[in-house]
Protein backbone atom coordinates (compact mmCIF):
# COMPACT_ATOMS: atom_id res chain seq x y z
CA MET A 1 -11.90 -10.01 -22.31
CA GLN A 2 -13.24 -9.57 -25.95
CA VAL A 3 -15.21 -11.69 -27.87
CA SER A 4 -15.48 -11.78 -31.87
CA SER A 5 -16.39 -14.37 -34.49
CA SER A 6 -14.51 -12.90 -37.40
CA VAL A 7 -11.08 -11.32 -38.23
CA GLU A 8 -12.99 -8.78 -39.87
CA ASP A 9 -14.31 -7.47 -36.62
CA LEU A 10 -10.82 -6.81 -35.34
CA ALA A 11 -10.33 -3.91 -37.72
CA LYS A 12 -13.59 -2.32 -35.77
CA ILE A 13 -12.43 -3.30 -32.28
CA ILE A 14 -8.97 -2.26 -32.41
CA PRO A 15 -9.45 1.34 -32.83
CA CYS A 16 -11.95 1.51 -30.09
CA PHE A 17 -9.53 0.32 -27.28
CA ASP A 18 -7.12 2.61 -29.02
CA LEU A 19 -9.93 5.50 -28.44
CA LEU A 20 -10.11 4.36 -24.81
CA ALA A 21 -6.54 4.28 -24.64
CA ARG A 22 -6.32 7.81 -25.54
CA SER A 23 -9.28 9.46 -23.60
CA SER A 24 -8.81 7.42 -20.30
CA GLY A 25 -4.74 6.82 -20.21
CA LEU A 26 -5.83 2.88 -19.91
CA GLN A 27 -4.51 0.29 -22.81
CA VAL A 28 -4.61 -3.29 -23.57
CA ASN A 29 -0.94 -4.52 -22.67
CA THR A 30 -0.39 -6.93 -25.37
CA ASN A 31 2.59 -8.78 -23.97
CA LYS A 32 -0.05 -9.94 -21.46
CA THR A 33 -2.85 -10.29 -23.83
CA ILE A 34 -3.58 -13.74 -25.64
CA LEU A 35 -5.73 -14.00 -28.99
CA VAL A 36 -8.19 -17.08 -28.94
CA PRO A 37 -9.52 -16.81 -32.49
CA LEU A 38 -13.36 -18.30 -32.58
CA TYR A 39 -13.16 -18.95 -36.22
CA GLU A 40 -11.46 -22.14 -37.96
CA THR A 41 -7.91 -20.99 -38.55
CA THR A 42 -4.22 -22.01 -38.30
CA THR A 43 -1.55 -20.09 -35.99
CA LEU A 44 0.01 -18.79 -39.10
CA GLN A 45 -3.25 -17.22 -40.82
CA ALA A 46 -4.15 -15.58 -37.30
CA ARG A 47 -0.68 -14.33 -37.10
CA LYS A 48 -1.32 -12.87 -40.70
CA ASP A 49 -4.71 -11.55 -39.59
CA ILE A 50 -3.33 -9.48 -36.92
CA ALA A 51 -0.16 -8.46 -38.28
CA HIS A 52 -1.01 -5.24 -39.85
CA THR A 53 -2.37 -4.06 -36.38
CA ASP A 54 -0.64 -2.83 -33.12
CA TRP A 55 -1.51 -6.14 -31.83
CA GLY A 56 0.66 -8.26 -34.26
CA GLY A 57 2.85 -9.50 -31.77
CA MET A 58 0.02 -10.93 -29.48
CA GLU A 59 0.22 -14.62 -28.30
CA ILE A 60 -2.29 -16.97 -29.97
CA HIS A 61 -3.63 -19.83 -28.66
CA LEU A 62 -6.04 -21.95 -30.53
CA GLY A 63 -9.26 -23.63 -29.46
CA SER A 64 -8.63 -22.56 -25.57
CA SER A 65 -6.84 -20.81 -23.31
CA LYS A 66 -7.30 -19.86 -19.40
CA TYR A 67 -8.47 -16.99 -18.15
CA LEU A 68 -9.04 -16.30 -14.59
CA GLY A 69 -8.51 -20.08 -13.87
CA PHE A 70 -10.96 -21.15 -16.74
CA LEU A 71 -10.67 -22.38 -20.21
CA VAL A 72 -12.18 -20.26 -22.69
CA GLY A 73 -12.76 -20.47 -26.35
CA PRO A 74 -14.35 -22.87 -28.70
CA LYS A 75 -12.64 -26.04 -27.58
CA ALA A 76 -13.32 -25.40 -24.15
CA ASP A 77 -16.12 -27.25 -22.19
CA ALA A 78 -17.31 -28.02 -18.58
CA TYR A 79 -15.38 -31.33 -18.74
CA SER A 80 -12.08 -29.80 -19.01
CA ASN A 81 -12.91 -26.65 -16.66
CA PHE A 82 -14.14 -28.94 -14.02
CA LEU A 83 -12.17 -32.34 -13.87
CA PRO A 84 -9.08 -31.04 -12.10
CA ALA A 85 -11.32 -29.41 -9.53
CA MET A 86 -13.69 -32.81 -9.23
CA ASP A 87 -10.03 -34.89 -8.89
CA LYS A 88 -8.88 -32.54 -6.14
CA PHE A 89 -12.65 -33.15 -4.41
CA ARG A 90 -12.09 -36.71 -4.49
């Protein structure tokens, strides 16, 4: 999982992943990767932000998305994450 708070950081981050892919044979599977912007934006703007990159087709979720069963992102909170577990417990 990569954390960045501005679209400008993407221009710095993507070449690092490209270098890792070339040197290790490992690469980001953009078909399984979801971008959760940490900055205020719309889906349309976020799509424009990554359109010029190899990651242009990546799925975008605003606010939060599940990662290993937990919601992550700027709109995720403890209540959202633990309410379903507490309901099952009860």
